[in-house]
Amino acid sequence: MTYQFVPHTESGVPSKVMKDLIAGGTFLESIANSPYDWKAFATQAEKQQDYSKETRRVVLQALERQNPEPSASEQASLDAFRNGALTITTGHQLMVCGGTVFFEAKVLGAVALAQAASKELGKEVVPVFWMASEDHDFEEIASFRIGEHQFTWKQPDAKGPVGYLPTQDLADQLSAWLEQVPLNEAQKKLIQPRLKAYREGKNLADATRQWVRQWAEGLGLLVLDGQDMALKGQAAPLWTAEMEGQYATLIQAQTDALVAQGYKAQVFPREINLFDLRDGDRQRFEQPDPECPYFYVSPNALMRPLYQEWLLPNLAYVGGGGELAYWLQLGSAFEHLGRPMPLLYLRNSVLVQDSKLNKNLKKLGITLSDVLASNAEKLKGQLLGKNTVLQAEGESLQAPLMEAIDKWNESLIERYPELQQHAAALKVKMEKLAQRTAETRYRTQKRRHEELMGSIDRAVESIYPNGTFWERRASYADLVGILGQDPRDAIVEKMSTIKAGTLVIKPDF
């Protein structure tokens, strides 16, 4: 296999707000520093010198409690954290079998960044995976696909935090489905431990922790679930302050400032950005309830980052564009929290350049970078020479027509001088009609080069199946199936750290 790296700055993958965050020098810099500089990491490490020893003790005990019988690499990370290590964190919903490729890509990105930061800073840096076990959107976590086969966990009565859901029924449904799906040996090796975890785990949180730890063994990853009595207790002042509206007011003001600068509010702020977990459900607090036990308080998407950073000495948070967009709504809230906002590191993406895509790119004589930086229609225009060939051709076709119109106008004005304005308007109208034929000729060129246009459509479809970037549709099992092996360690080694982008994996054909 070979690997290619396409920086986010040279592709159309990130959104505008993320490109502005990466570039720096915009309004966003008043909220969060651009993370693509080791000096920024060194500055962040200095800010974490005030991290509470008591909080470190509580978090360490939670990590040890949640990760029993640690592997050698997990134990090394636990020891490092005990002795003052900093952290780099990523997190995700508890997707069935990971959902899509970017679940695993985020984990590997955090591991790679932690390794690089440790080396660059000369300090121990531990990667952490934060489980979003309190999320209650069951439909978002219930499906994944292998090839064209899609699995959906059917649980009609599902409610409350998904982490609470028992998984024996999931294991039965998944096992029956897998019998109908053709898998190679590498895919079986990947999937079976996940199926086993769903059989053995008491709930989805427990099972997800089990298979993530199994898959990431040797990488030093520590898995942390914020749904923990001691951790919730440590953050009790946070819940009290939000019940009083302290953070909600600041979050709304920061959100309004972003919108005023032309950015979108990724998450709608509430008057109380907390949920109530009592009665086994997850309901929004509509009124302050200071009597609610802290264990039953659950942060929403805007309060969860504050909770996370209250607990962890993070250098950076590795997230997707949608995630980091709502972190940008929290600048003022972090100032009030008295904890540094971590560097917001737009995660690396992963893409496989398979044999079909490779064939189409060769036929077109273009690179993957060309496709990532453009779209199908622009590529077609470029390959047909729309802006140069058609212009030259148009000038050639238009010349005799315009010459005839000029002669006709001369004769008209000579005989009817008072119609000079009419003659000028006629010339403009004919010029517009002549120019309009360019689009007609362009469509004709596309029909003439139907095979070439088909190759462009197929190349773009390979990268954006059904209009969605490949890693947001394909599963990690798809990736493993294409390659015939799990590229986990190679991705960590090859993944860019200080300059994020898309890691393109090219199998040996």
Protein backbone atom coordinates (compact mmCIF):
# COMPACT_ATOMS: atom_id res chain seq x y z
CA MET A 1 0.00 0.00 0.00
CA THR A 2 1.02 3.58 -0.58
CA TYR A 3 -0.28 6.72 1.10
CA GLN A 4 -0.96 10.26 -0.04
CA PHE A 5 -1.77 13.26 2.09
CA VAL A 6 -4.05 16.06 0.85
CA PRO A 7 -4.13 19.02 3.28
CA HIS A 8 -7.54 20.32 4.26
CA THR A 9 -6.49 23.70 2.88
CA GLU A 10 -6.23 22.17 -0.61
CA SER A 11 -9.52 20.27 -0.70
CA GLY A 12 -13.23 20.93 -0.64
CA VAL A 13 -13.81 18.59 2.30
CA PRO A 14 -13.91 21.14 5.19
CA SER A 15 -16.68 23.73 5.54
CA LYS A 16 -16.00 27.47 5.30
CA VAL A 17 -15.98 27.92 9.07
CA MET A 18 -13.41 25.15 9.43
CA LYS A 19 -11.22 26.59 6.67
CA ASP A 20 -11.33 29.93 8.48
CA LEU A 21 -10.38 28.22 11.74
CA ILE A 22 -7.45 26.48 10.05
CA ALA A 23 -6.23 29.59 8.26
CA GLY A 24 -6.36 31.89 11.28
CA GLY A 25 -6.50 35.65 10.99
CA THR A 26 -10.32 35.79 11.11
CA PHE A 27 -12.87 36.61 13.80
CA LEU A 28 -12.62 32.98 14.95
CA GLU A 29 -9.12 33.64 16.26
CA SER A 30 -10.70 35.74 19.01
CA ILE A 31 -12.37 32.53 20.22
CA ALA A 32 -9.88 29.74 19.47
CA ASN A 33 -6.27 29.68 18.36
CA SER A 34 -5.33 27.88 15.18
CA PRO A 35 -3.95 24.48 16.32
CA TYR A 36 -1.61 23.77 13.42
CA ASP A 37 1.54 25.01 15.11
CA TRP A 38 3.58 23.27 17.83
CA LYS A 39 4.03 26.64 19.54
CA ALA A 40 0.28 26.67 20.13
CA PHE A 41 0.58 23.25 21.79
CA ALA A 42 3.43 24.50 23.99
CA THR A 43 1.32 27.48 25.05
CA GLN A 44 -1.61 25.20 25.79
CA ALA A 45 0.63 22.99 27.94
CA GLU A 46 1.60 26.04 30.00
CA LYS A 47 -2.06 26.93 30.50
CA GLN A 48 -2.68 23.46 31.92
CA GLN A 49 -0.12 23.88 34.70
CA ASP A 50 -2.95 24.96 37.02
CA TYR A 51 -4.86 21.70 36.50
CA SER A 52 -6.19 20.58 39.88
CA LYS A 53 -4.41 17.70 41.61
CA GLU A 54 -7.70 16.72 43.19
CA THR A 55 -9.41 16.56 39.79
CA ARG A 56 -6.54 14.47 38.45
CA ARG A 57 -6.99 12.05 41.35
CA VAL A 58 -10.74 11.73 40.75
CA VAL A 59 -10.31 11.27 36.99
CA LEU A 60 -7.53 8.72 37.48
CA GLN A 61 -9.72 6.66 39.78
CA ALA A 62 -12.54 6.81 37.22
CA LEU A 63 -10.19 5.67 34.45
CA GLU A 64 -8.94 2.79 36.56
CA ARG A 65 -12.48 1.83 37.54
CA GLN A 66 -13.77 1.99 33.96
CA ASN A 67 -10.78 0.21 32.40
CA PRO A 68 -10.26 -2.88 34.58
CA GLU A 69 -7.47 -5.36 33.82
CA PRO A 70 -5.58 -2.84 31.70
CA SER A 71 -3.28 -3.94 28.91
CA ALA A 72 0.39 -2.99 29.10
CA SER A 73 -0.14 0.11 26.95
CA GLU A 74 -3.21 1.17 28.94
CA GLN A 75 -1.29 0.74 32.18
CA ALA A 76 1.54 2.85 30.81
CA SER A 77 -0.97 5.61 29.99
CA LEU A 78 -2.60 5.34 33.42
CA ASP A 79 0.81 5.62 35.08
CA ALA A 80 1.68 8.58 32.88
CA PHE A 81 -1.59 10.33 33.77
CA ARG A 82 -0.97 9.65 37.45
CA ASN A 83 2.44 11.30 37.12
CA GLY A 84 1.22 14.46 35.43
CA ALA A 85 0.62 13.63 31.76
CA LEU A 86 -1.53 15.91 29.64
CA THR A 87 -4.25 14.58 27.37
CA ILE A 88 -5.55 14.82 23.81
CA THR A 89 -9.17 13.79 23.56
CA THR A 90 -11.67 12.78 20.94
CA GLY A 91 -15.18 11.51 21.46
CA HIS A 92 -18.14 10.07 19.65
CA GLN A 93 -21.61 8.62 19.92
CA LEU A 94 -21.82 4.91 20.65
CA MET A 95 -22.40 3.89 17.04
CA VAL A 96 -23.19 0.23 16.37
CA CYS A 97 -19.89 -1.34 15.24
CA GLY A 98 -18.47 2.19 15.02
CA GLY A 99 -20.90 3.35 12.36
CA THR A 100 -18.78 4.92 9.63
CA VAL A 101 -15.03 5.11 9.03
CA PHE A 102 -14.59 8.42 10.76
CA PHE A 103 -15.32 6.86 14.19
CA GLU A 104 -12.07 4.90 14.01
CA ALA A 105 -10.34 7.73 12.12
CA LYS A 106 -11.00 10.11 15.04
CA VAL A 107 -9.55 7.63 17.52
CA LEU A 108 -6.45 7.04 15.41
CA GLY A 109 -6.07 10.77 14.83
CA ALA A 110 -6.06 11.43 18.58
CA VAL A 111 -3.50 8.66 19.10
CA ALA A 112 -1.24 9.98 16.34
CA LEU A 113 -1.49 13.56 17.60
CA ALA A 114 -0.78 12.52 21.20
CA GLN A 115 2.32 10.60 20.11
CA ALA A 116 3.60 13.52 18.05
CA ALA A 117 2.84 16.10 20.77
CA SER A 118 4.61 14.01 23.40
CA LYS A 119 7.71 13.89 21.22
CA GLU A 120 7.62 17.58 20.25
CA LEU A 121 6.91 18.93 23.74
CA GLY A 122 9.04 16.48 25.70
CA LYS A 123 6.03 15.77 27.94
CA GLU A 124 3.85 12.69 28.32
CA VAL A 125 0.60 13.10 26.40
CA VAL A 126 -2.12 10.46 26.68
CA PRO A 127 -4.91 9.89 24.12
CA VAL A 128 -8.45 9.69 25.56
CA PHE A 129 -11.68 8.52 23.95
CA TRP A 130 -14.74 10.15 25.54
CA MET A 131 -17.86 8.00 25.18
CA ALA A 132 -21.07 9.94 24.52
CA SER A 133 -23.07 7.37 26.46
CA GLU A 134 -25.72 9.86 27.56
CA ASP A 135 -26.74 10.81 24.04
CA HIS A 136 -30.38 9.87 23.46
CA ASP A 137 -30.68 9.94 19.67
CA PHE A 138 -31.10 6.21 19.08
CA GLU A 139 -31.73 6.49 15.33
CA GLU A 140 -28.35 8.15 14.81
CA ILE A 141 -26.41 5.28 16.41
CA ALA A 142 -28.46 2.28 15.26
CA SER A 143 -27.15 1.70 11.72
CA PHE A 144 -24.00 0.87 9.81
CA ARG A 145 -23.27 -0.73 6.48
CA ILE A 146 -20.86 -3.17 4.88
CA GLY A 147 -20.84 -2.56 1.16
CA GLU A 148 -24.44 -2.25 0.01
CA HIS A 149 -25.73 -4.22 3.03
CA GLN A 150 -27.13 -2.00 5.77
CA PHE A 151 -27.78 -3.13 9.33
CA THR A 152 -30.25 -1.28 11.54
CA TRP A 153 -30.78 -2.22 15.17
CA LYS A 154 -34.51 -2.45 15.75
CA GLN A 155 -35.47 -1.30 19.22
CA PRO A 156 -38.94 0.29 19.04
CA ASP A 157 -39.11 1.09 22.76
CA ALA A 158 -35.67 2.72 22.98
CA LYS A 159 -35.60 5.88 25.09
CA GLY A 160 -33.23 7.72 27.35
CA PRO A 161 -29.41 7.59 27.18
CA VAL A 162 -28.32 5.04 24.58
CA GLY A 163 -25.51 3.88 26.84
CA TYR A 164 -28.10 2.33 29.17
CA LEU A 165 -29.59 0.09 26.47
CA PRO A 166 -29.02 -3.67 26.93
CA THR A 167 -27.27 -5.26 23.95
CA GLN A 168 -28.22 -8.96 23.95
CA ASP A 169 -30.95 -8.27 21.41
CA LEU A 170 -28.50 -6.21 19.37
CA ALA A 171 -26.11 -9.17 19.37
CA ASP A 172 -28.86 -11.51 18.14
CA GLN A 173 -29.97 -9.17 15.36
CA LEU A 174 -26.40 -8.44 14.29
CA SER A 175 -25.44 -12.13 14.29
CA ALA A 176 -28.41 -13.02 12.06
CA TRP A 177 -27.61 -10.16 9.68
CA LEU A 178 -23.93 -11.07 9.40
CA GLU A 179 -24.87 -14.54 8.17
CA GLN A 180 -26.26 -12.86 5.04
CA VAL A 181 -23.25 -10.58 4.41
CA PRO A 182 -20.16 -11.86 2.56
CA LEU A 183 -17.07 -11.05 4.65
CA ASN A 184 -13.41 -11.74 4.03
CA GLU A 185 -11.16 -12.98 6.84
CA ALA A 186 -9.92 -9.51 7.75
CA GLN A 187 -13.50 -8.26 8.13
CA LYS A 188 -14.45 -11.25 10.28
CA LYS A 189 -11.45 -10.61 12.50
CA LEU A 190 -12.62 -7.01 12.95
CA ILE A 191 -16.33 -7.66 13.48
CA GLN A 192 -16.34 -10.76 15.71
CA PRO A 193 -14.90 -9.03 18.81
CA ARG A 194 -17.56 -6.35 18.45
CA LEU A 195 -20.31 -8.95 18.24
CA LYS A 196 -18.78 -10.68 21.26
CA ALA A 197 -18.80 -7.42 23.22
CA TYR A 198 -22.51 -6.92 22.50
CA ARG A 199 -23.17 -10.45 23.80
CA GLU A 200 -21.12 -9.98 26.96
CA GLY A 201 -21.74 -6.32 27.82
CA LYS A 202 -24.45 -5.37 30.29
CA ASN A 203 -25.36 -2.34 28.15
CA LEU A 204 -24.23 -0.39 25.08
CA ALA A 205 -21.74 1.73 27.03
CA ASP A 206 -20.10 -1.33 28.57
CA ALA A 207 -20.01 -3.18 25.24
CA THR A 208 -18.62 -0.21 23.30
CA ARG A 209 -15.89 0.28 25.87
CA GLN A 210 -15.00 -3.41 25.56
CA TRP A 211 -14.62 -3.49 21.78
CA VAL A 212 -12.92 -0.10 21.53
CA ARG A 213 -10.34 -1.22 24.09
CA GLN A 214 -9.86 -4.53 22.27
CA TRP A 215 -9.44 -2.87 18.87
CA ALA A 216 -7.13 -0.11 20.18
CA GLU A 217 -4.96 -2.41 22.29
CA GLY A 218 -1.33 -1.37 22.09
CA LEU A 219 -2.08 2.28 21.27
CA GLY A 220 -2.24 3.54 24.86
CA LEU A 221 -5.80 4.79 24.45
CA LEU A 222 -7.83 5.35 27.61
CA VAL A 223 -11.64 5.18 27.37
CA LEU A 224 -13.60 7.54 29.62
CA ASP A 225 -17.35 7.64 30.20
CA GLY A 226 -18.66 10.89 31.67
CA GLN A 227 -21.67 9.01 33.05
CA ASP A 228 -19.82 8.34 36.29
CA MET A 229 -20.96 9.29 39.79
CA ALA A 230 -17.58 10.57 40.95
CA LEU A 231 -16.99 12.60 37.78
CA LYS A 232 -20.49 14.07 37.93
CA GLY A 233 -19.88 14.98 41.56
CA GLN A 234 -16.60 16.68 40.70
CA ALA A 235 -18.51 18.85 38.22
CA ALA A 236 -21.39 19.70 40.59
CA PRO A 237 -20.46 23.43 40.62
CA LEU A 238 -20.86 23.43 36.85
CA TRP A 239 -24.41 22.10 37.05
CA THR A 240 -25.35 24.60 39.75
CA ALA A 241 -24.02 27.52 37.72
CA GLU A 242 -25.94 26.43 34.62
CA MET A 243 -29.15 26.01 36.61
CA GLU A 244 -28.68 29.70 37.44
CA GLY A 245 -28.24 30.52 33.75
CA GLN A 246 -24.64 31.67 34.03
CA TYR A 247 -23.28 29.70 31.07
CA ALA A 248 -26.44 29.87 28.96
CA THR A 249 -26.20 33.67 28.86
CA LEU A 250 -22.55 33.58 27.78
CA ILE A 251 -23.16 30.85 25.19
CA GLN A 252 -26.03 32.83 23.66
CA ALA A 253 -23.92 35.99 23.47
CA GLN A 254 -21.03 34.13 21.80
CA THR A 255 -23.45 32.47 19.39
CA ASP A 256 -24.95 35.85 18.46
CA ALA A 257 -21.46 37.22 17.80
CA LEU A 258 -20.69 34.31 15.46
CA VAL A 259 -23.95 34.77 13.57
CA ALA A 260 -23.24 38.50 13.23
CA GLN A 261 -19.97 37.57 11.50
CA GLY A 262 -21.82 35.42 8.96
CA TYR A 263 -21.33 32.01 10.59
CA LYS A 264 -24.10 29.55 11.40
CA ALA A 265 -25.11 28.52 14.92
CA GLN A 266 -24.35 24.80 14.90
CA VAL A 267 -26.40 24.12 18.05
CA PHE A 268 -29.34 26.15 19.30
CA PRO A 269 -28.57 27.37 22.85
CA ARG A 270 -31.17 26.78 25.55
CA GLU A 271 -31.99 28.73 28.68
CA ILE A 272 -30.74 25.67 30.58
CA ASN A 273 -28.35 23.49 28.60
CA LEU A 274 -28.88 20.41 30.75
CA PHE A 275 -30.99 17.26 30.69
CA ASP A 276 -32.70 15.37 33.51
CA LEU A 277 -31.97 11.62 33.61
CA ARG A 278 -34.47 10.73 36.32
CA ASP A 279 -37.09 8.10 35.48
CA GLY A 280 -34.68 6.48 33.00
CA ASP A 281 -35.39 9.08 30.34
CA ARG A 282 -33.48 12.17 29.19
CA GLN A 283 -35.69 15.23 29.32
CA ARG A 284 -34.68 18.86 28.93
CA PHE A 285 -34.79 21.01 32.05
CA GLU A 286 -37.41 23.67 31.34
CA GLN A 287 -37.08 25.19 34.82
CA PRO A 288 -34.13 25.25 37.25
CA ASP A 289 -34.15 22.34 39.66
CA PRO A 290 -31.34 22.79 42.18
CA GLU A 291 -32.62 19.76 44.10
CA CYS A 292 -31.87 17.32 41.27
CA PRO A 293 -29.06 14.97 42.37
CA TYR A 294 -25.92 15.72 40.36
CA PHE A 295 -25.67 12.17 39.01
CA TYR A 296 -28.97 12.66 37.17
CA VAL A 297 -27.84 15.87 35.48
CA SER A 298 -26.70 15.39 31.90
CA PRO A 299 -25.03 18.09 29.76
CA ASN A 300 -26.32 18.83 26.28
CA ALA A 301 -24.00 19.27 23.27
CA LEU A 302 -22.98 22.78 24.40
CA MET A 303 -22.33 21.93 28.05
CA ARG A 304 -20.57 18.60 27.40
CA PRO A 305 -17.33 20.30 26.23
CA LEU A 306 -17.28 22.39 29.42
CA TYR A 307 -17.79 19.26 31.52
CA GLN A 308 -15.06 17.44 29.62
CA GLU A 309 -12.54 20.27 30.00
CA TRP A 310 -13.45 20.71 33.67
CA LEU A 311 -12.15 17.17 34.13
CA LEU A 312 -9.25 16.74 31.69
CA PRO A 313 -5.92 18.56 31.14
CA ASN A 314 -6.42 18.68 27.38
CA LEU A 315 -4.01 20.09 24.86
CA ALA A 316 -6.44 19.56 22.00
CA TYR A 317 -9.80 18.14 21.10
CA VAL A 318 -9.86 16.16 17.85
CA GLY A 319 -13.26 16.57 16.24
CA GLY A 320 -15.20 16.82 13.03
CA GLY A 321 -16.29 20.07 11.45
CA GLY A 322 -19.78 19.97 12.93
CA GLU A 323 -18.44 19.33 16.42
CA LEU A 324 -15.82 22.04 16.37
CA ALA A 325 -18.38 24.51 15.03
CA TYR A 326 -20.37 24.26 18.26
CA TRP A 327 -17.20 24.45 20.36
CA LEU A 328 -16.76 27.89 18.78
CA GLN A 329 -19.99 28.94 20.51
CA LEU A 330 -18.26 28.45 23.87
CA GLY A 331 -15.40 30.96 23.94
CA SER A 332 -16.91 33.23 26.59
CA ALA A 333 -18.16 30.23 28.58
CA PHE A 334 -14.63 28.85 28.86
CA GLU A 335 -13.38 32.20 30.18
CA HIS A 336 -16.05 32.03 32.89
CA LEU A 337 -15.23 28.37 33.59
CA GLY A 338 -11.65 29.28 34.42
CA ARG A 339 -10.32 26.41 32.32
CA PRO A 340 -8.50 26.80 29.01
CA MET A 341 -10.35 25.92 25.84
CA PRO A 342 -8.35 23.15 24.14
CA LEU A 343 -6.93 23.63 20.68
CA LEU A 344 -9.70 22.69 18.25
CA TYR A 345 -8.07 20.21 15.90
CA LEU A 346 -10.07 19.37 12.79
CA ARG A 347 -9.68 15.63 12.48
CA ASN A 348 -7.95 13.90 9.61
CA SER A 349 -10.15 12.22 7.04
CA VAL A 350 -9.50 8.82 5.44
CA LEU A 351 -10.21 7.77 1.86
CA VAL A 352 -9.38 4.65 -0.14
CA GLN A 353 -8.35 5.04 -3.77
CA ASP A 354 -9.60 1.66 -4.95
CA SER A 355 -9.04 0.04 -8.35
CA LYS A 356 -12.19 1.53 -9.95
CA LEU A 357 -11.34 5.03 -8.82
CA ASN A 358 -7.73 4.57 -9.88
CA LYS A 359 -8.85 3.42 -13.35
CA ASN A 360 -11.10 6.44 -13.86
CA LEU A 361 -8.45 8.89 -12.68
CA LYS A 362 -5.91 7.40 -15.10
CA LYS A 363 -8.38 7.60 -17.98
CA LEU A 364 -9.02 11.25 -17.20
CA GLY A 365 -5.37 12.11 -16.64
CA ILE A 366 -6.13 13.84 -13.34
CA THR A 367 -5.22 13.22 -9.71
CA LEU A 368 -7.32 12.57 -6.64
CA SER A 369 -6.33 16.02 -5.40
CA ASP A 370 -7.95 17.52 -8.49
CA VAL A 371 -11.25 15.84 -7.61
CA LEU A 372 -11.10 16.76 -3.91
CA ALA A 373 -10.48 20.40 -4.81
CA SER A 374 -13.34 20.65 -7.31
CA ASN A 375 -16.71 19.16 -8.30
CA ALA A 376 -18.03 17.18 -11.24
CA GLU A 377 -19.28 20.12 -13.30
CA LYS A 378 -16.09 22.14 -12.87
CA LEU A 379 -14.00 19.12 -13.81
CA LYS A 380 -16.05 18.59 -16.94
CA GLY A 381 -15.62 22.22 -17.91
CA GLN A 382 -11.88 22.08 -17.30
CA LEU A 383 -11.39 18.86 -19.24
CA LEU A 384 -13.40 20.17 -22.19
CA GLY A 385 -11.46 23.42 -22.12
CA LYS A 386 -14.70 25.32 -21.60
CA ASN A 387 -13.09 28.64 -20.80
CA THR A 388 -10.44 28.59 -23.52
CA VAL A 389 -11.44 26.32 -26.41
CA LEU A 390 -15.08 27.38 -26.43
CA GLN A 391 -14.09 31.03 -26.21
CA ALA A 392 -11.72 30.72 -29.17
CA GLU A 393 -14.27 28.71 -31.09
CA GLY A 394 -16.95 31.27 -30.30
CA GLU A 395 -14.80 34.12 -31.51
CA SER A 396 -14.17 32.23 -34.74
CA LEU A 397 -17.87 31.50 -35.29
CA GLN A 398 -18.95 34.96 -34.24
CA ALA A 399 -16.51 36.96 -36.36
CA PRO A 400 -18.29 36.72 -39.76
CA LEU A 401 -21.67 37.31 -38.11
CA MET A 402 -20.52 40.46 -36.35
CA GLU A 403 -18.76 41.66 -39.51
CA ALA A 404 -22.03 41.29 -41.46
CA ILE A 405 -23.97 43.12 -38.73
CA ASP A 406 -21.45 45.99 -38.77
CA LYS A 407 -21.84 46.36 -42.55
CA TRP A 408 -25.62 46.17 -42.25
CA ASN A 409 -25.60 48.83 -39.53
CA GLU A 410 -23.41 51.12 -41.64
CA SER A 411 -25.86 50.89 -44.52
CA LEU A 412 -28.82 51.42 -42.18
CA ILE A 413 -27.34 54.50 -40.52
CA GLU A 414 -26.27 55.94 -43.85
CA ARG A 415 -29.86 55.83 -45.05
CA TYR A 416 -31.56 56.41 -41.68
CA PRO A 417 -29.23 58.44 -39.42
CA GLU A 418 -31.99 58.80 -36.82
CA LEU A 419 -31.85 54.99 -36.25
CA GLN A 420 -28.27 54.97 -34.91
CA GLN A 421 -29.40 54.03 -31.38
CA HIS A 422 -31.58 51.26 -32.79
CA ALA A 423 -28.61 49.89 -34.77
CA ALA A 424 -26.39 49.87 -31.65
CA ALA A 425 -29.05 48.02 -29.64
CA LEU A 426 -29.42 45.48 -32.45
CA LYS A 427 -25.69 44.80 -32.39
CA VAL A 428 -25.73 44.22 -28.62
CA LYS A 429 -28.67 41.85 -28.96
CA MET A 430 -26.93 39.81 -31.65
CA GLU A 431 -23.75 39.63 -29.57
CA LYS A 432 -25.76 38.21 -26.65
CA LEU A 433 -27.44 35.68 -28.92
CA ALA A 434 -24.06 34.58 -30.25
CA GLN A 435 -22.64 34.25 -26.74
CA ARG A 436 -25.65 32.20 -25.66
CA THR A 437 -24.65 29.47 -28.06
CA ALA A 438 -21.58 28.78 -25.90
CA GLU A 439 -23.67 26.85 -23.35
CA THR A 440 -25.40 24.93 -26.16
CA ARG A 441 -22.04 24.07 -27.69
CA TYR A 442 -20.75 23.03 -24.24
CA ARG A 443 -23.64 20.59 -23.79
CA THR A 444 -23.00 19.25 -27.27
CA GLN A 445 -19.31 18.73 -26.41
CA LYS A 446 -20.34 16.77 -23.33
CA ARG A 447 -22.54 14.51 -25.44
CA ARG A 448 -19.68 13.98 -27.88
CA HIS A 449 -17.39 13.03 -24.97
CA GLU A 450 -19.94 10.89 -23.15
CA GLU A 451 -17.39 8.29 -22.04
CA LEU A 452 -15.09 10.96 -20.60
CA MET A 453 -17.98 12.60 -18.76
CA GLY A 454 -19.00 9.18 -17.41
CA SER A 455 -15.50 8.66 -16.01
CA ILE A 456 -15.74 11.99 -14.18
CA ASP A 457 -19.13 11.05 -12.73
CA ARG A 458 -17.84 7.64 -11.63
CA ALA A 459 -14.71 9.15 -10.04
CA VAL A 460 -16.73 11.71 -8.12
CA GLU A 461 -19.27 9.05 -7.08
CA SER A 462 -16.44 6.90 -5.70
CA ILE A 463 -15.35 9.74 -3.45
CA TYR A 464 -18.81 11.14 -2.72
CA PRO A 465 -21.24 8.19 -2.93
CA ASN A 466 -24.78 9.57 -3.07
CA GLY A 467 -23.29 13.02 -2.52
CA THR A 468 -21.71 12.07 0.84
CA PHE A 469 -17.96 11.99 1.45
CA TRP A 470 -16.82 8.34 1.42
CA GLU A 471 -15.78 8.09 5.07
CA ARG A 472 -19.19 9.31 6.19
CA ARG A 473 -20.94 6.45 4.40
CA ALA A 474 -18.52 3.51 4.41
CA SER A 475 -17.75 1.56 7.58
CA TYR A 476 -14.34 0.65 8.89
CA ALA A 477 -15.26 -2.90 7.90
CA ASP A 478 -15.51 -1.63 4.30
CA LEU A 479 -12.03 -0.16 4.58
CA VAL A 480 -10.64 -3.41 5.98
CA GLY A 481 -12.47 -5.39 3.31
CA ILE A 482 -10.97 -3.38 0.45
CA LEU A 483 -7.44 -3.63 1.86
CA GLY A 484 -7.67 -7.21 3.12
CA GLN A 485 -6.19 -6.12 6.46
CA ASP A 486 -6.69 -3.61 9.25
CA PRO A 487 -4.45 -0.59 8.48
CA ARG A 488 -4.74 0.72 12.05
CA ASP A 489 -1.03 1.00 12.88
CA ALA A 490 -0.12 2.29 9.42
CA ILE A 491 -2.75 5.02 9.68
CA VAL A 492 -1.32 6.16 13.02
CA GLU A 493 2.16 6.19 11.47
CA LYS A 494 1.20 7.93 8.22
CA MET A 495 -1.51 10.28 9.47
CA SER A 496 -0.36 13.88 9.43
CA THR A 497 -0.42 15.47 12.83
CA ILE A 498 0.40 19.16 12.84
CA LYS A 499 -1.23 19.78 9.43
CA ALA A 500 -4.50 17.88 9.16
CA GLY A 501 -6.02 16.72 5.90
CA THR A 502 -7.22 13.63 4.06
CA LEU A 503 -5.09 10.49 4.24
CA VAL A 504 -5.52 8.64 0.95
CA ILE A 505 -4.76 4.92 1.09
CA LYS A 506 -3.83 3.33 -2.23
CA PRO A 507 -3.90 -0.50 -2.23
CA ASP A 508 -1.43 -2.47 -4.34
CA PHE A 509 -3.40 -3.39 -7.45
